C-alpha atoms as a PDB file:
ATOM      1  CA  MET A   1       3.216  -6.212  11.620  1.00  0.00           C
ATOM      2  CA  LEU A   2       0.845  -5.887   8.673  1.00  0.00           C
ATOM      3  CA  THR A   3       0.500  -8.148   5.681  1.00  0.00           C
ATOM      4  CA  GLU A   4       0.509  -6.846   2.135  1.00  0.00           C
ATOM      5  CA  ARG A   5      -3.230  -7.487   2.099  1.00  0.00           C
ATOM      6  CA  ASP A   6      -3.636  -5.247   5.176  1.00  0.00           C
ATOM      7  CA  VAL A   7      -1.682  -2.439   3.523  1.00  0.00           C
ATOM      8  CA  TYR A   8      -3.788  -2.596   0.368  1.00  0.00           C
ATOM      9  CA  ALA A   9      -6.940  -2.566   2.510  1.00  0.00           C
ATOM     10  CA  ARG A  10      -5.687   0.613   4.186  1.00  0.00           C
ATOM     11  CA  LEU A  11      -4.879   2.142   0.812  1.00  0.00           C
ATOM     12  CA  TYR A  12      -8.345   1.348  -0.574  1.00  0.00           C
ATOM     13  CA  ALA A  13      -9.964   2.798   2.563  1.00  0.00           C
ATOM     14  CA  ALA A  14      -7.853   5.964   2.319  1.00  0.00           C
ATOM     15  CA  ILE A  15      -8.742   6.399  -1.356  1.00  0.00           C
ATOM     16  CA  LYS A  16     -12.427   5.985  -0.543  1.00  0.00           C
ATOM     17  CA  ALA A  17     -12.227   8.395   2.420  1.00  0.00           C
ATOM     18  CA  ALA A  18     -10.563  11.016   0.211  1.00  0.00           C
ATOM     19  CA  GLY A  19     -13.390  10.776  -2.317  1.00  0.00           C
ATOM     20  CA  GLY A  20     -11.687   8.674  -4.967  1.00  0.00           C
ATOM     21  CA  VAL A  21      -8.386   8.232  -6.754  1.00  0.00           C
ATOM     22  CA  ARG A  22      -8.194  11.787  -8.128  1.00  0.00           C
ATOM     23  CA  ALA A  23      -8.919  13.375  -4.756  1.00  0.00           C
ATOM     24  CA  PHE A  24      -6.438  11.087  -2.980  1.00  0.00           C
ATOM     25  CA  ALA A  25      -3.756  11.856  -5.560  1.00  0.00           C
ATOM     26  CA  ARG A  26      -4.363  15.602  -5.301  1.00  0.00           C
ATOM     27  CA  LEU A  27      -4.245  15.434  -1.501  1.00  0.00           C
ATOM     28  CA  HIS A  28      -0.811  13.781  -1.596  1.00  0.00           C
ATOM     29  CA  SER A  29       0.640  15.587  -4.645  1.00  0.00           C
ATOM     30  CA  LEU A  30       0.759  12.400  -6.716  1.00  0.00           C
ATOM     31  CA  THR A  31      -0.735  11.588 -10.094  1.00  0.00           C
ATOM     32  CA  PRO A  32      -4.047   9.733 -10.353  1.00  0.00           C
ATOM     33  CA  ALA A  33      -2.423   7.318 -12.832  1.00  0.00           C
ATOM     34  CA  TYR A  34       0.249   6.416 -10.295  1.00  0.00           C
ATOM     35  CA  ILE A  35      -2.287   5.869  -7.502  1.00  0.00           C
ATOM     36  CA  SER A  36      -4.454   3.795  -9.813  1.00  0.00           C
ATOM     37  CA  ASP A  37      -1.509   1.642 -10.914  1.00  0.00           C
ATOM     38  CA  VAL A  38      -0.503   0.935  -7.314  1.00  0.00           C
ATOM     39  CA  ALA A  39      -4.097   0.226  -6.246  1.00  0.00           C
ATOM     40  CA  ARG A  40      -4.494  -2.200  -9.162  1.00  0.00           C
ATOM     41  CA  ARG A  41      -1.132  -3.777  -8.303  1.00  0.00           C
ATOM     42  CA  ARG A  42       0.442  -2.834 -11.607  1.00  0.00           C
ATOM     43  CA  ARG A  43       3.173  -1.106  -9.602  1.00  0.00           C
ATOM     44  CA  ASP A  44       4.689  -2.117  -6.285  1.00  0.00           C
ATOM     45  CA  LEU A  45       3.865  -0.396  -3.032  1.00  0.00           C
ATOM     46  CA  SER A  46       6.407   2.385  -2.678  1.00  0.00           C
ATOM     47  CA  ASP A  47       7.715   4.139   0.408  1.00  0.00           C
ATOM     48  CA  THR A  48       5.787   7.213  -0.768  1.00  0.00           C
ATOM     49  CA  ILE A  49       2.475   5.369  -0.947  1.00  0.00           C
ATOM     50  CA  CYS A  50       3.108   3.675   2.383  1.00  0.00           C
ATOM     51  CA  ALA A  51       3.797   7.053   3.999  1.00  0.00           C
ATOM     52  CA  THR A  52       0.440   8.411   2.776  1.00  0.00           C
ATOM     53  CA  ILE A  53      -1.360   5.721   4.772  1.00  0.00           C
ATOM     54  CA  GLY A  54       0.901   5.835   7.812  1.00  0.00           C
ATOM     55  CA  VAL A  55       2.946   2.692   7.377  1.00  0.00           C
ATOM     56  CA  VAL A  56       6.636   2.012   6.805  1.00  0.00           C
ATOM     57  CA  ARG A  57       7.716  -0.642   4.340  1.00  0.00           C
ATOM     58  CA  THR A  58      10.395  -3.034   5.578  1.00  0.00           C
ATOM     59  CA  ILE A  59      11.760  -6.368   4.449  1.00  0.00           C
ATOM     60  CA  VAL A  60      11.452  -9.338   6.774  1.00  0.00           C
ATOM     61  CA  ILE A  61      13.529 -12.437   6.200  1.00  0.00           C
ATOM     62  CA  CYS A  62      12.605 -15.594   8.085  1.00  0.00           C
ATOM     63  CA  ARG A  63      14.150 -19.005   8.371  1.00  0.00           C
ATOM     64  CA  GLU A  64      12.300 -21.700   6.518  1.00  0.00           C
ATOM     65  CA  TYR A  65      10.032 -23.636   8.865  1.00  0.00           C
ATOM     66  CA  HIS A  66      10.215 -27.431   8.846  1.00  0.00           C
ATOM     67  CA  ASP A  67       7.611 -29.340  10.798  1.00  0.00           C
ATOM     68  CA  GLN A  68       9.188 -31.839  13.171  1.00  0.00           C
ATOM     69  CA  ASP A  69       7.143 -35.056  12.819  1.00  0.00           C
END
């Protein structure tokens, strides 16, 4: 399982490997503005963005943890 931080790290690395936001957007048929907004956390990670970096977004619900002293 990855954290949100891990996913953003993968996104930043993929953008860099593609040669920047414009190149990454072109490669995945998305707009540079959209990629930029997601990378700057102005928009949420979408299933589309997750797919471009090889991850699947899921929701995990956990019970609240109470320390037993």
